[in-house]
Amino acid sequence: MALILFRLLALQLVLLVTVSGLFTSSGVKHATKYELQQKVLTLGSSYTVKDDHGKSVYKIGFKTIGLGKHLQLTDVGGQNEYYSIKHVLNPLGLAKYEIRKNNQVIADVKRKMNLIGGKKFNVKSKIGDFKIEGNFRSREFKIKKDKHLVATISKKFFAMGDKYGVKIEQGQDVPFILALAIVVDEVAHG
């Protein structure tokens, strides 16, 4: 019993150090930190986003039911939609997503083939071209806009569901970057 208790305490310490390190070594300067948590025990994908003070600031949930997932990123009350994320079904099985604003496609997100195990995405958008690179095993992703690091996603598993630390450079479109983080998660679990 004492050994089990010791192991639980050691695991808690490791988790505490991991959580505190989510935002410390990412390389994004002058950034705002967010915690994106996938809700468990829900039908399909559902997320909440908290700021670095623990206050809920956004939510992500189903927009419509049909072929392919269609999610929406809204304020906490669900009244104002910032973006929607649509999974476009592809016969080759490659991930393709559209990010929409007011039902207009503003970005196409396509996964690039990578045989080594990393995940790479090209994002062509009306607000610039982005690249997302990372490795699912290491749970770390970088988002670059025109070769400039603008955000990092640090994914760690916790007891019930997934949490992400998302660090976004000031001056960026926060809901758009969060939509990109959702795409990464959808591809990883899809």
N, C-alpha and C. Protein backbone atom coordinates (compact mmCIF):
# COMPACT_ATOMS: atom_id res chain seq x y z
N MET A 1 0.83 -1.20 0.00
CA MET A 1 0.00 0.00 0.00
C MET A 1 0.87 1.26 0.00
N ALA A 2 1.92 1.25 0.80
CA ALA A 2 2.81 2.41 0.87
C ALA A 2 3.51 2.63 -0.47
N LEU A 3 3.86 1.52 -1.15
CA LEU A 3 4.51 1.63 -2.44
C LEU A 3 3.56 2.26 -3.48
N ILE A 4 2.30 1.87 -3.45
CA ILE A 4 1.30 2.44 -4.37
C ILE A 4 1.12 3.93 -4.09
N LEU A 5 1.04 4.29 -2.82
CA LEU A 5 0.90 5.69 -2.44
C LEU A 5 2.11 6.49 -2.89
N PHE A 6 3.31 5.94 -2.71
CA PHE A 6 4.53 6.61 -3.14
C PHE A 6 4.52 6.83 -4.66
N ARG A 7 4.11 5.80 -5.42
CA ARG A 7 4.06 5.92 -6.87
C ARG A 7 3.05 6.97 -7.32
N LEU A 8 1.91 7.02 -6.64
CA LEU A 8 0.91 8.04 -6.97
C LEU A 8 1.44 9.44 -6.70
N LEU A 9 2.13 9.62 -5.59
CA LEU A 9 2.72 10.93 -5.28
C LEU A 9 3.79 11.30 -6.30
N ALA A 10 4.60 10.32 -6.69
CA ALA A 10 5.63 10.57 -7.69
C ALA A 10 5.00 10.95 -9.03
N LEU A 11 3.92 10.26 -9.40
CA LEU A 11 3.22 10.58 -10.65
C LEU A 11 2.63 11.98 -10.59
N GLN A 12 2.07 12.35 -9.44
CA GLN A 12 1.52 13.70 -9.28
C GLN A 12 2.61 14.75 -9.45
N LEU A 13 3.78 14.50 -8.90
CA LEU A 13 4.89 15.43 -9.02
C LEU A 13 5.32 15.57 -10.48
N VAL A 14 5.41 14.45 -11.20
CA VAL A 14 5.77 14.48 -12.61
C VAL A 14 4.74 15.28 -13.40
N LEU A 15 3.45 15.06 -13.13
CA LEU A 15 2.39 15.81 -13.83
C LEU A 15 2.47 17.30 -13.52
N LEU A 16 2.74 17.64 -12.27
CA LEU A 16 2.85 19.05 -11.88
C LEU A 16 4.00 19.72 -12.62
N VAL A 17 5.15 19.06 -12.68
CA VAL A 17 6.29 19.61 -13.40
C VAL A 17 5.97 19.72 -14.88
N THR A 18 5.29 18.73 -15.44
CA THR A 18 4.92 18.75 -16.85
C THR A 18 3.99 19.92 -17.15
N VAL A 19 2.97 20.10 -16.32
CA VAL A 19 2.01 21.20 -16.54
C VAL A 19 2.71 22.54 -16.44
N SER A 20 3.58 22.71 -15.46
CA SER A 20 4.26 24.00 -15.31
C SER A 20 5.22 24.24 -16.47
N GLY A 21 5.70 23.17 -17.10
CA GLY A 21 6.61 23.32 -18.22
C GLY A 21 5.93 23.43 -19.57
N LEU A 22 4.61 23.37 -19.60
CA LEU A 22 3.92 23.44 -20.89
C LEU A 22 4.23 24.72 -21.65
N PHE A 23 4.43 25.82 -20.94
CA PHE A 23 4.55 27.10 -21.61
C PHE A 23 5.95 27.72 -21.50
N THR A 24 6.89 27.04 -20.89
CA THR A 24 8.13 27.72 -20.57
C THR A 24 9.20 27.67 -21.65
N SER A 25 9.26 26.63 -22.48
CA SER A 25 10.40 26.49 -23.37
C SER A 25 9.99 26.45 -24.84
N SER A 26 9.06 27.25 -25.23
CA SER A 26 8.53 27.10 -26.58
C SER A 26 9.21 28.00 -27.61
N GLY A 27 9.85 29.08 -27.22
CA GLY A 27 10.49 29.95 -28.18
C GLY A 27 9.61 31.05 -28.73
N VAL A 28 8.32 31.09 -28.38
CA VAL A 28 7.44 32.16 -28.84
C VAL A 28 7.57 33.31 -27.84
N LYS A 29 7.94 34.47 -28.37
CA LYS A 29 8.15 35.62 -27.49
C LYS A 29 6.90 36.48 -27.42
N HIS A 30 6.71 37.15 -26.30
CA HIS A 30 5.55 38.04 -26.11
C HIS A 30 4.26 37.31 -26.46
N ALA A 31 4.00 36.25 -25.74
CA ALA A 31 2.89 35.37 -26.07
C ALA A 31 1.85 35.33 -24.97
N THR A 32 0.66 34.91 -25.37
CA THR A 32 -0.44 34.65 -24.45
C THR A 32 -0.63 33.15 -24.40
N LYS A 33 -0.90 32.64 -23.20
CA LYS A 33 -1.02 31.20 -23.00
C LYS A 33 -2.48 30.80 -22.86
N TYR A 34 -2.80 29.67 -23.47
CA TYR A 34 -4.16 29.13 -23.40
C TYR A 34 -4.08 27.64 -23.08
N GLU A 35 -5.13 27.16 -22.44
CA GLU A 35 -5.26 25.73 -22.19
C GLU A 35 -6.48 25.25 -22.95
N LEU A 36 -6.25 24.30 -23.83
CA LEU A 36 -7.32 23.74 -24.64
C LEU A 36 -7.55 22.32 -24.12
N GLN A 37 -8.76 22.03 -23.68
CA GLN A 37 -9.05 20.71 -23.13
C GLN A 37 -10.21 20.08 -23.87
N GLN A 38 -9.96 18.85 -24.33
CA GLN A 38 -11.03 18.10 -24.97
C GLN A 38 -11.92 17.53 -23.89
N LYS A 39 -13.22 17.71 -24.08
CA LYS A 39 -14.18 17.15 -23.12
C LYS A 39 -14.36 15.67 -23.41
N VAL A 40 -14.45 14.89 -22.35
CA VAL A 40 -14.71 13.47 -22.50
C VAL A 40 -16.19 13.22 -22.26
N LEU A 41 -16.63 12.07 -22.66
CA LEU A 41 -18.02 11.64 -22.48
C LEU A 41 -18.99 12.54 -23.22
N THR A 42 -18.55 13.05 -24.39
CA THR A 42 -19.45 13.82 -25.25
C THR A 42 -19.52 13.13 -26.59
N LEU A 43 -20.58 13.37 -27.31
CA LEU A 43 -20.74 12.82 -28.65
C LEU A 43 -19.87 13.63 -29.59
N GLY A 44 -18.81 13.01 -30.13
CA GLY A 44 -17.92 13.70 -31.05
C GLY A 44 -16.94 14.58 -30.31
N SER A 45 -16.39 15.55 -31.01
CA SER A 45 -15.36 16.42 -30.47
C SER A 45 -15.98 17.64 -29.81
N SER A 46 -15.50 17.95 -28.63
CA SER A 46 -15.94 19.12 -27.91
C SER A 46 -14.77 19.59 -27.04
N TYR A 47 -14.52 20.90 -27.03
CA TYR A 47 -13.37 21.44 -26.32
C TYR A 47 -13.79 22.69 -25.55
N THR A 48 -13.02 22.99 -24.51
CA THR A 48 -13.11 24.29 -23.85
C THR A 48 -11.71 24.90 -23.88
N VAL A 49 -11.66 26.23 -23.93
CA VAL A 49 -10.39 26.95 -23.96
C VAL A 49 -10.39 27.92 -22.80
N LYS A 50 -9.32 27.85 -22.00
CA LYS A 50 -9.16 28.76 -20.86
C LYS A 50 -7.92 29.61 -21.08
N ASP A 51 -7.96 30.83 -20.54
CA ASP A 51 -6.77 31.67 -20.61
C ASP A 51 -5.80 31.26 -19.50
N ASP A 52 -4.68 31.96 -19.39
CA ASP A 52 -3.68 31.57 -18.41
C ASP A 52 -4.08 31.89 -16.97
N HIS A 53 -5.26 32.47 -16.78
CA HIS A 53 -5.80 32.70 -15.44
C HIS A 53 -6.88 31.68 -15.09
N GLY A 54 -7.10 30.71 -15.98
CA GLY A 54 -8.09 29.66 -15.73
C GLY A 54 -9.51 30.04 -16.09
N LYS A 55 -9.70 31.19 -16.74
CA LYS A 55 -11.03 31.64 -17.12
C LYS A 55 -11.39 31.07 -18.49
N SER A 56 -12.59 30.49 -18.63
CA SER A 56 -13.05 29.99 -19.92
C SER A 56 -13.27 31.15 -20.87
N VAL A 57 -12.68 31.06 -22.08
CA VAL A 57 -12.78 32.16 -23.04
C VAL A 57 -13.39 31.74 -24.39
N TYR A 58 -13.28 30.47 -24.75
CA TYR A 58 -13.86 29.97 -26.00
C TYR A 58 -14.38 28.56 -25.76
N LYS A 59 -15.24 28.12 -26.69
CA LYS A 59 -15.64 26.72 -26.70
C LYS A 59 -15.74 26.26 -28.14
N ILE A 60 -15.56 24.97 -28.33
CA ILE A 60 -15.62 24.36 -29.65
C ILE A 60 -16.56 23.17 -29.57
N GLY A 61 -17.51 23.10 -30.49
CA GLY A 61 -18.45 22.00 -30.51
C GLY A 61 -18.99 21.80 -31.91
N PHE A 62 -19.88 20.81 -32.06
CA PHE A 62 -20.45 20.50 -33.37
C PHE A 62 -21.27 21.67 -33.89
N LYS A 63 -21.10 21.95 -35.19
CA LYS A 63 -21.94 22.95 -35.84
C LYS A 63 -23.12 22.26 -36.51
N THR A 64 -22.83 21.24 -37.30
CA THR A 64 -23.87 20.47 -37.96
C THR A 64 -23.48 19.01 -37.98
N ILE A 65 -24.45 18.16 -38.19
CA ILE A 65 -24.18 16.74 -38.33
C ILE A 65 -24.36 16.38 -39.80
N GLY A 66 -23.45 15.63 -40.34
CA GLY A 66 -23.50 15.23 -41.74
C GLY A 66 -22.21 14.51 -42.09
N LEU A 67 -21.90 14.46 -43.37
CA LEU A 67 -20.66 13.82 -43.81
C LEU A 67 -19.48 14.69 -43.41
N GLY A 68 -18.53 14.11 -42.72
CA GLY A 68 -17.38 14.87 -42.24
C GLY A 68 -17.77 15.70 -41.03
N LYS A 69 -16.80 15.95 -40.19
CA LYS A 69 -17.06 16.77 -39.00
C LYS A 69 -17.15 18.24 -39.40
N HIS A 70 -18.00 18.96 -38.70
CA HIS A 70 -18.12 20.40 -38.88
C HIS A 70 -18.24 21.02 -37.49
N LEU A 71 -17.16 21.61 -37.02
CA LEU A 71 -17.09 22.18 -35.68
C LEU A 71 -17.18 23.69 -35.76
N GLN A 72 -17.54 24.31 -34.64
CA GLN A 72 -17.53 25.77 -34.58
C GLN A 72 -16.82 26.23 -33.32
N LEU A 73 -16.05 27.30 -33.47
CA LEU A 73 -15.34 27.93 -32.36
C LEU A 73 -16.09 29.20 -32.03
N THR A 74 -16.61 29.27 -30.80
CA THR A 74 -17.45 30.40 -30.39
C THR A 74 -16.96 30.99 -29.08
N ASP A 75 -17.59 32.08 -28.68
CA ASP A 75 -17.36 32.59 -27.34
C ASP A 75 -17.94 31.58 -26.35
N VAL A 76 -17.72 31.81 -25.07
CA VAL A 76 -18.15 30.85 -24.05
C VAL A 76 -19.66 30.63 -24.08
N GLY A 77 -20.43 31.66 -24.34
CA GLY A 77 -21.89 31.54 -24.37
C GLY A 77 -22.43 30.91 -25.65
N GLY A 78 -21.58 30.70 -26.63
CA GLY A 78 -22.01 30.11 -27.89
C GLY A 78 -22.77 31.07 -28.79
N GLN A 79 -22.74 32.35 -28.47
CA GLN A 79 -23.50 33.34 -29.25
C GLN A 79 -22.75 33.84 -30.48
N ASN A 80 -21.44 34.03 -30.36
CA ASN A 80 -20.65 34.60 -31.45
C ASN A 80 -19.69 33.56 -32.01
N GLU A 81 -19.88 33.21 -33.27
CA GLU A 81 -18.98 32.26 -33.91
C GLU A 81 -17.79 33.01 -34.50
N TYR A 82 -16.59 32.57 -34.14
CA TYR A 82 -15.38 33.16 -34.72
C TYR A 82 -15.01 32.43 -36.00
N TYR A 83 -14.94 31.10 -35.92
CA TYR A 83 -14.58 30.28 -37.08
C TYR A 83 -15.33 28.96 -36.99
N SER A 84 -15.47 28.32 -38.15
CA SER A 84 -15.93 26.93 -38.16
C SER A 84 -14.84 26.11 -38.85
N ILE A 85 -14.81 24.85 -38.52
CA ILE A 85 -13.78 23.94 -39.02
C ILE A 85 -14.51 22.78 -39.68
N LYS A 86 -14.27 22.59 -40.96
CA LYS A 86 -14.96 21.55 -41.72
C LYS A 86 -13.96 20.53 -42.22
N HIS A 87 -14.21 19.27 -41.89
CA HIS A 87 -13.40 18.17 -42.41
C HIS A 87 -13.94 17.82 -43.79
N VAL A 88 -13.09 17.94 -44.79
CA VAL A 88 -13.48 17.63 -46.16
C VAL A 88 -13.06 16.19 -46.43
N LEU A 89 -14.04 15.34 -46.73
CA LEU A 89 -13.75 13.93 -46.98
C LEU A 89 -12.92 13.79 -48.25
N ASN A 90 -11.90 12.96 -48.17
CA ASN A 90 -10.96 12.78 -49.26
C ASN A 90 -10.85 11.30 -49.57
N PRO A 91 -11.06 10.87 -50.82
CA PRO A 91 -11.02 9.45 -51.13
C PRO A 91 -9.66 8.80 -50.89
N LEU A 92 -8.59 9.58 -50.88
CA LEU A 92 -7.26 9.03 -50.62
C LEU A 92 -6.96 8.90 -49.13
N GLY A 93 -7.83 9.41 -48.29
CA GLY A 93 -7.65 9.32 -46.86
C GLY A 93 -6.74 10.38 -46.27
N LEU A 94 -6.29 11.33 -47.09
CA LEU A 94 -5.44 12.40 -46.56
C LEU A 94 -6.31 13.45 -45.89
N ALA A 95 -5.81 13.98 -44.81
CA ALA A 95 -6.58 14.96 -44.05
C ALA A 95 -6.62 16.30 -44.79
N LYS A 96 -7.83 16.82 -44.96
CA LYS A 96 -8.00 18.16 -45.49
C LYS A 96 -9.12 18.82 -44.69
N TYR A 97 -8.85 20.02 -44.25
CA TYR A 97 -9.82 20.79 -43.47
C TYR A 97 -9.95 22.17 -44.07
N GLU A 98 -11.14 22.73 -43.92
CA GLU A 98 -11.38 24.12 -44.29
C GLU A 98 -11.71 24.88 -43.01
N ILE A 99 -11.14 26.05 -42.87
CA ILE A 99 -11.51 26.95 -41.79
C ILE A 99 -12.33 28.05 -42.43
N ARG A 100 -13.53 28.27 -41.89
CA ARG A 100 -14.48 29.20 -42.49
C ARG A 100 -14.84 30.31 -41.52
N LYS A 101 -15.16 31.45 -42.10
CA LYS A 101 -15.68 32.58 -41.33
C LYS A 101 -16.88 33.10 -42.10
N ASN A 102 -18.03 33.20 -41.44
CA ASN A 102 -19.26 33.63 -42.09
C ASN A 102 -19.55 32.78 -43.33
N ASN A 103 -19.35 31.48 -43.21
CA ASN A 103 -19.59 30.50 -44.28
C ASN A 103 -18.69 30.67 -45.50
N GLN A 104 -17.66 31.48 -45.40
CA GLN A 104 -16.70 31.66 -46.48
C GLN A 104 -15.40 30.96 -46.10
N VAL A 105 -14.84 30.16 -47.02
CA VAL A 105 -13.57 29.48 -46.75
C VAL A 105 -12.47 30.53 -46.71
N ILE A 106 -11.78 30.60 -45.57
CA ILE A 106 -10.65 31.53 -45.48
C ILE A 106 -9.31 30.80 -45.40
N ALA A 107 -9.37 29.46 -45.17
CA ALA A 107 -8.12 28.71 -45.10
C ALA A 107 -8.35 27.25 -45.46
N ASP A 108 -7.39 26.69 -46.18
CA ASP A 108 -7.34 25.27 -46.47
C ASP A 108 -6.16 24.68 -45.71
N VAL A 109 -6.42 23.63 -44.96
CA VAL A 109 -5.37 22.96 -44.18
C VAL A 109 -5.22 21.56 -44.75
N LYS A 110 -4.01 21.26 -45.23
CA LYS A 110 -3.75 19.95 -45.83
C LYS A 110 -2.57 19.30 -45.12
N ARG A 111 -2.74 18.02 -44.84
CA ARG A 111 -1.66 17.26 -44.22
C ARG A 111 -0.71 16.78 -45.31
N LYS A 112 0.58 16.96 -45.06
CA LYS A 112 1.59 16.47 -45.98
C LYS A 112 1.98 15.06 -45.57
N MET A 113 2.28 14.23 -46.53
CA MET A 113 2.75 12.88 -46.25
C MET A 113 4.14 12.95 -45.63
N ASN A 114 4.35 12.16 -44.55
CA ASN A 114 5.64 12.10 -43.90
C ASN A 114 5.81 10.68 -43.35
N LEU A 115 6.73 9.94 -43.91
CA LEU A 115 6.90 8.54 -43.54
C LEU A 115 7.67 8.35 -42.23
N ILE A 116 8.31 9.37 -41.72
CA ILE A 116 9.13 9.25 -40.51
C ILE A 116 8.29 9.32 -39.24
N GLY A 117 7.08 9.72 -39.28
CA GLY A 117 6.23 9.76 -38.09
C GLY A 117 5.86 11.15 -37.66
N GLY A 118 6.48 12.15 -38.25
CA GLY A 118 6.10 13.51 -37.92
C GLY A 118 4.83 13.90 -38.63
N LYS A 119 4.24 14.97 -38.20
CA LYS A 119 3.04 15.47 -38.87
C LYS A 119 3.37 16.87 -39.38
N LYS A 120 3.03 17.09 -40.63
CA LYS A 120 3.24 18.40 -41.23
C LYS A 120 1.97 18.80 -41.95
N PHE A 121 1.64 20.08 -41.82
CA PHE A 121 0.44 20.61 -42.45
C PHE A 121 0.82 21.89 -43.18
N ASN A 122 0.24 22.09 -44.36
CA ASN A 122 0.34 23.35 -45.08
C ASN A 122 -0.99 24.05 -44.94
N VAL A 123 -0.94 25.34 -44.64
CA VAL A 123 -2.15 26.13 -44.47
C VAL A 123 -2.07 27.32 -45.42
N LYS A 124 -2.97 27.36 -46.38
CA LYS A 124 -3.10 28.49 -47.30
C LYS A 124 -4.32 29.27 -46.85
N SER A 125 -4.11 30.53 -46.47
CA SER A 125 -5.24 31.30 -45.94
C SER A 125 -5.21 32.73 -46.43
N LYS A 126 -6.32 33.40 -46.20
CA LYS A 126 -6.43 34.81 -46.57
C LYS A 126 -5.62 35.72 -45.64
N ILE A 127 -5.15 35.15 -44.53
CA ILE A 127 -4.33 35.96 -43.60
C ILE A 127 -2.86 35.55 -43.64
N GLY A 128 -2.49 34.73 -44.60
CA GLY A 128 -1.10 34.33 -44.77
C GLY A 128 -0.96 32.82 -44.88
N ASP A 129 0.25 32.40 -45.22
CA ASP A 129 0.55 30.98 -45.32
C ASP A 129 1.21 30.51 -44.03
N PHE A 130 0.75 29.37 -43.55
CA PHE A 130 1.26 28.80 -42.31
C PHE A 130 1.78 27.40 -42.58
N LYS A 131 2.71 26.98 -41.74
CA LYS A 131 3.18 25.60 -41.72
C LYS A 131 3.08 25.13 -40.27
N ILE A 132 2.57 23.92 -40.12
CA ILE A 132 2.51 23.30 -38.79
C ILE A 132 3.36 22.05 -38.87
N GLU A 133 4.33 21.95 -37.96
CA GLU A 133 5.21 20.79 -37.93
C GLU A 133 5.30 20.29 -36.51
N GLY A 134 5.39 18.97 -36.39
CA GLY A 134 5.55 18.40 -35.07
C GLY A 134 5.57 16.89 -35.13
N ASN A 135 5.70 16.33 -33.98
CA ASN A 135 5.76 14.88 -33.87
C ASN A 135 4.75 14.46 -32.82
N PHE A 136 3.83 13.58 -33.21
CA PHE A 136 2.79 13.17 -32.28
C PHE A 136 3.36 12.46 -31.06
N ARG A 137 4.42 11.70 -31.25
CA ARG A 137 5.01 11.00 -30.10
C ARG A 137 5.57 11.97 -29.07
N SER A 138 6.16 13.07 -29.53
CA SER A 138 6.73 14.04 -28.59
C SER A 138 5.70 15.05 -28.11
N ARG A 139 4.52 15.05 -28.72
CA ARG A 139 3.40 15.92 -28.32
C ARG A 139 3.72 17.41 -28.45
N GLU A 140 4.58 17.76 -29.38
CA GLU A 140 4.97 19.15 -29.57
C GLU A 140 4.78 19.55 -31.02
N PHE A 141 4.18 20.72 -31.24
CA PHE A 141 3.97 21.23 -32.59
C PHE A 141 4.33 22.71 -32.63
N LYS A 142 4.83 23.16 -33.76
CA LYS A 142 5.15 24.57 -33.98
C LYS A 142 4.33 25.07 -35.15
N ILE A 143 3.80 26.28 -35.00
CA ILE A 143 3.06 26.93 -36.09
C ILE A 143 3.88 28.13 -36.54
N LYS A 144 4.20 28.13 -37.82
CA LYS A 144 4.98 29.23 -38.38
C LYS A 144 4.16 29.92 -39.46
N LYS A 145 4.27 31.23 -39.47
CA LYS A 145 3.64 32.04 -40.51
C LYS A 145 4.77 32.72 -41.27
N ASP A 146 4.87 32.43 -42.56
CA ASP A 146 5.94 32.98 -43.38
C ASP A 146 7.31 32.77 -42.71
N LYS A 147 7.54 31.55 -42.23
CA LYS A 147 8.80 31.10 -41.61
C LYS A 147 9.08 31.72 -40.24
N HIS A 148 8.12 32.45 -39.68
CA HIS A 148 8.25 33.07 -38.35
C HIS A 148 7.41 32.29 -37.35
N LEU A 149 8.00 31.85 -36.26
CA LEU A 149 7.28 31.10 -35.24
C LEU A 149 6.24 31.99 -34.57
N VAL A 150 4.96 31.62 -34.67
CA VAL A 150 3.89 32.43 -34.09
C VAL A 150 3.14 31.71 -32.98
N ALA A 151 3.30 30.37 -32.89
CA ALA A 151 2.58 29.64 -31.83
C ALA A 151 3.20 28.26 -31.65
N THR A 152 2.99 27.72 -30.46
CA THR A 152 3.37 26.34 -30.19
C THR A 152 2.20 25.63 -29.53
N ILE A 153 2.15 24.33 -29.77
CA ILE A 153 1.13 23.49 -29.14
C ILE A 153 1.89 22.41 -28.40
N SER A 154 1.62 22.28 -27.12
CA SER A 154 2.25 21.24 -26.33
C SER A 154 1.15 20.35 -25.79
N LYS A 155 1.14 19.10 -26.22
CA LYS A 155 0.06 18.19 -25.88
C LYS A 155 0.55 17.18 -24.85
N LYS A 156 -0.17 17.05 -23.79
CA LYS A 156 0.14 16.07 -22.76
C LYS A 156 -1.13 15.35 -22.39
N PHE A 157 -1.01 14.06 -22.09
CA PHE A 157 -2.17 13.29 -21.67
C PHE A 157 -2.35 13.41 -20.16
N PHE A 158 -3.59 13.54 -19.75
CA PHE A 158 -3.94 13.57 -18.35
C PHE A 158 -4.94 12.47 -18.09
N ALA A 159 -5.45 12.40 -16.89
CA ALA A 159 -6.29 11.26 -16.48
C ALA A 159 -7.51 11.05 -17.37
N MET A 160 -8.30 12.07 -17.59
CA MET A 160 -9.54 11.91 -18.36
C MET A 160 -9.59 12.92 -19.50
N GLY A 161 -8.99 12.58 -20.61
CA GLY A 161 -9.04 13.48 -21.76
C GLY A 161 -7.70 14.10 -22.05
N ASP A 162 -7.68 14.94 -23.06
CA ASP A 162 -6.45 15.57 -23.51
C ASP A 162 -6.45 17.04 -23.15
N LYS A 163 -5.27 17.53 -22.82
CA LYS A 163 -5.07 18.96 -22.60
C LYS A 163 -3.92 19.41 -23.48
N TYR A 164 -4.03 20.62 -23.95
CA TYR A 164 -2.98 21.22 -24.76
C TYR A 164 -2.62 22.55 -24.14
N GLY A 165 -1.35 22.84 -24.11
CA GLY A 165 -0.89 24.18 -23.82
C GLY A 165 -0.66 24.85 -25.17
N VAL A 166 -1.33 25.95 -25.43
CA VAL A 166 -1.16 26.66 -26.69
C VAL A 166 -0.63 28.05 -26.36
N LYS A 167 0.55 28.35 -26.88
CA LYS A 167 1.18 29.64 -26.63
C LYS A 167 1.17 30.40 -27.94
N ILE A 168 0.52 31.58 -27.94
CA ILE A 168 0.29 32.33 -29.18
C ILE A 168 0.92 33.71 -29.07
N GLU A 169 1.73 34.04 -30.05
CA GLU A 169 2.39 35.34 -30.09
C GLU A 169 1.36 36.46 -30.13
N GLN A 170 1.63 37.52 -29.38
CA GLN A 170 0.72 38.66 -29.38
C GLN A 170 0.60 39.23 -30.79
N GLY A 171 -0.59 39.71 -31.12
CA GLY A 171 -0.84 40.29 -32.44
C GLY A 171 -1.38 39.28 -33.44
N GLN A 172 -1.43 37.99 -33.07
CA GLN A 172 -1.97 36.97 -33.96
C GLN A 172 -3.48 36.85 -33.74
N ASP A 173 -4.14 36.26 -34.69
CA ASP A 173 -5.58 36.00 -34.59
C ASP A 173 -5.75 34.75 -33.72
N VAL A 174 -6.02 34.96 -32.43
CA VAL A 174 -6.08 33.87 -31.46
C VAL A 174 -7.09 32.79 -31.85
N PRO A 175 -8.34 33.12 -32.16
CA PRO A 175 -9.27 32.05 -32.54
C PRO A 175 -8.81 31.25 -33.77
N PHE A 176 -8.16 31.91 -34.72
CA PHE A 176 -7.67 31.20 -35.90
C PHE A 176 -6.58 30.20 -35.51
N ILE A 177 -5.64 30.62 -34.68
CA ILE A 177 -4.56 29.72 -34.23
C ILE A 177 -5.16 28.57 -33.43
N LEU A 178 -6.16 28.85 -32.59
CA LEU A 178 -6.81 27.77 -31.84
C LEU A 178 -7.52 26.80 -32.79
N ALA A 179 -8.10 27.31 -33.87
CA ALA A 179 -8.72 26.44 -34.87
C ALA A 179 -7.67 25.52 -35.49
N LEU A 180 -6.47 26.03 -35.74
CA LEU A 180 -5.39 25.19 -36.25
C LEU A 180 -5.02 24.09 -35.24
N ALA A 181 -5.00 24.44 -33.95
CA ALA A 181 -4.70 23.44 -32.91
C ALA A 181 -5.76 22.35 -32.89
N ILE A 182 -7.01 22.71 -33.12
CA ILE A 182 -8.10 21.73 -33.18
C ILE A 182 -7.88 20.78 -34.36
N VAL A 183 -7.48 21.33 -35.50
CA VAL A 183 -7.22 20.49 -36.66
C VAL A 183 -6.13 19.46 -36.35
N VAL A 184 -5.06 19.91 -35.70
CA VAL A 184 -3.98 18.98 -35.32
C VAL A 184 -4.54 17.84 -34.48
N ASP A 185 -5.38 18.17 -33.50
CA ASP A 185 -5.95 17.14 -32.64
C ASP A 185 -6.90 16.22 -33.42
N GLU A 186 -7.71 16.78 -34.29
CA GLU A 186 -8.63 15.97 -35.06
C GLU A 186 -7.89 14.98 -35.96
N VAL A 187 -6.80 15.41 -36.57
CA VAL A 187 -6.01 14.52 -37.41
C VAL A 187 -5.33 13.45 -36.57
N ALA A 188 -4.81 13.84 -35.42
CA ALA A 188 -4.11 12.88 -34.56
C ALA A 188 -5.05 11.79 -34.05
N HIS A 189 -6.31 12.13 -33.81
CA HIS A 189 -7.26 11.16 -33.28
C HIS A 189 -8.18 10.58 -34.35
N GLY A 190 -8.10 11.13 -35.57
CA GLY A 190 -8.99 10.69 -36.63
C GLY A 190 -8.51 9.44 -37.26
